[in-house]
Amino acid sequence: MNKRQVELVIAELKMDYINLQGDIEKLESTGNNSYVKKAEVRLASMEERLAELNQQLTELS
């Protein structure tokens, strides 16, 4: 991937991350703890991917 492509993937992933955080808040308020745990695992995975992409972006700069 080139620098622009990495930036686009990062932007998309950040939007998904923000949306998932909002979903978690809604799930917590309704007591759906099993779904909250699954969503938190997805958040952690997204954080790892963001770190990888940011490292890749640094290497491309």
C-alpha atoms as a PDB file:
ATOM      1  CA  MET A   1       0.000   0.000   0.000  1.00  0.00           C
ATOM      2  CA  ASN A   2       1.122   3.511  -0.631  1.00  0.00           C
ATOM      3  CA  LYS A   3       0.930   6.328   1.905  1.00  0.00           C
ATOM      4  CA  ARG A   4      -2.472   7.592   0.717  1.00  0.00           C
ATOM      5  CA  GLN A   5      -4.007   4.118   0.877  1.00  0.00           C
ATOM      6  CA  VAL A   6      -2.719   3.596   4.409  1.00  0.00           C
ATOM      7  CA  GLU A   7      -4.157   6.968   5.446  1.00  0.00           C
ATOM      8  CA  LEU A   8      -7.544   6.004   4.012  1.00  0.00           C
ATOM      9  CA  VAL A   9      -7.556   2.653   5.817  1.00  0.00           C
ATOM     10  CA  ILE A  10      -6.619   4.410   9.082  1.00  0.00           C
ATOM     11  CA  ALA A  11      -9.437   6.939   8.652  1.00  0.00           C
ATOM     12  CA  GLU A  12     -11.972   4.195   7.959  1.00  0.00           C
ATOM     13  CA  LEU A  13     -10.791   2.126  10.899  1.00  0.00           C
ATOM     14  CA  LYS A  14     -11.011   5.140  13.205  1.00  0.00           C
ATOM     15  CA  MET A  15     -14.618   5.738  12.149  1.00  0.00           C
ATOM     16  CA  ASP A  16     -15.467   2.086  12.780  1.00  0.00           C
ATOM     17  CA  TYR A  17     -13.754   2.340  16.166  1.00  0.00           C
ATOM     18  CA  ILE A  18     -15.791   5.394  17.159  1.00  0.00           C
ATOM     19  CA  ASN A  19     -19.020   3.726  16.046  1.00  0.00           C
ATOM     20  CA  LEU A  20     -18.192   0.583  18.008  1.00  0.00           C
ATOM     21  CA  GLN A  21     -17.491   2.649  21.128  1.00  0.00           C
ATOM     22  CA  GLY A  22     -20.968   4.153  20.799  1.00  0.00           C
ATOM     23  CA  ASP A  23     -22.471   0.709  20.354  1.00  0.00           C
ATOM     24  CA  ILE A  24     -20.702  -0.487  23.507  1.00  0.00           C
ATOM     25  CA  GLU A  25     -22.164   2.390  25.498  1.00  0.00           C
ATOM     26  CA  LYS A  26     -25.648   1.466  24.285  1.00  0.00           C
ATOM     27  CA  LEU A  27     -25.108  -2.216  25.052  1.00  0.00           C
ATOM     28  CA  GLU A  28     -23.837  -1.412  28.543  1.00  0.00           C
ATOM     29  CA  SER A  29     -26.898   0.696  29.274  1.00  0.00           C
ATOM     30  CA  THR A  30     -29.190  -2.166  28.275  1.00  0.00           C
ATOM     31  CA  GLY A  31     -27.261  -4.828  30.209  1.00  0.00           C
ATOM     32  CA  ASN A  32     -26.051  -6.906  27.250  1.00  0.00           C
ATOM     33  CA  ASN A  33     -22.760  -7.861  28.877  1.00  0.00           C
ATOM     34  CA  SER A  34     -21.950 -10.774  26.569  1.00  0.00           C
ATOM     35  CA  TYR A  35     -22.133  -8.467  23.554  1.00  0.00           C
ATOM     36  CA  VAL A  36     -20.097  -5.838  25.388  1.00  0.00           C
ATOM     37  CA  LYS A  37     -17.271  -8.306  25.957  1.00  0.00           C
ATOM     38  CA  LYS A  38     -17.258  -9.301  22.269  1.00  0.00           C
ATOM     39  CA  ALA A  39     -17.251  -5.656  21.214  1.00  0.00           C
ATOM     40  CA  GLU A  40     -14.377  -4.887  23.586  1.00  0.00           C
ATOM     41  CA  VAL A  41     -12.367  -7.690  21.996  1.00  0.00           C
ATOM     42  CA  ARG A  42     -13.050  -6.126  18.588  1.00  0.00           C
ATOM     43  CA  LEU A  43     -11.898  -2.742  19.932  1.00  0.00           C
ATOM     44  CA  ALA A  44      -8.632  -4.269  21.113  1.00  0.00           C
ATOM     45  CA  SER A  45      -8.127  -5.858  17.701  1.00  0.00           C
ATOM     46  CA  MET A  46      -8.804  -2.525  16.010  1.00  0.00           C
ATOM     47  CA  GLU A  47      -6.289  -0.809  18.291  1.00  0.00           C
ATOM     48  CA  GLU A  48      -3.641  -3.343  17.297  1.00  0.00           C
ATOM     49  CA  ARG A  49      -4.408  -2.840  13.614  1.00  0.00           C
ATOM     50  CA  LEU A  50      -4.245   0.944  14.018  1.00  0.00           C
ATOM     51  CA  ALA A  51      -0.841   0.625  15.660  1.00  0.00           C
ATOM     52  CA  GLU A  52       0.373  -1.526  12.746  1.00  0.00           C
ATOM     53  CA  LEU A  53      -0.964   0.917  10.188  1.00  0.00           C
ATOM     54  CA  ASN A  54       0.535   3.919  11.977  1.00  0.00           C
ATOM     55  CA  GLN A  55       3.898   2.132  12.019  1.00  0.00           C
ATOM     56  CA  GLN A  56       3.550   1.419   8.310  1.00  0.00           C
ATOM     57  CA  LEU A  57       2.670   5.058   7.681  1.00  0.00           C
ATOM     58  CA  THR A  58       5.769   6.147   9.576  1.00  0.00           C
ATOM     59  CA  GLU A  59       7.908   3.856   7.456  1.00  0.00           C
ATOM     60  CA  LEU A  60       6.396   5.282   4.260  1.00  0.00           C
ATOM     61  CA  SER A  61       7.028   8.889   5.298  1.00  0.00           C
END
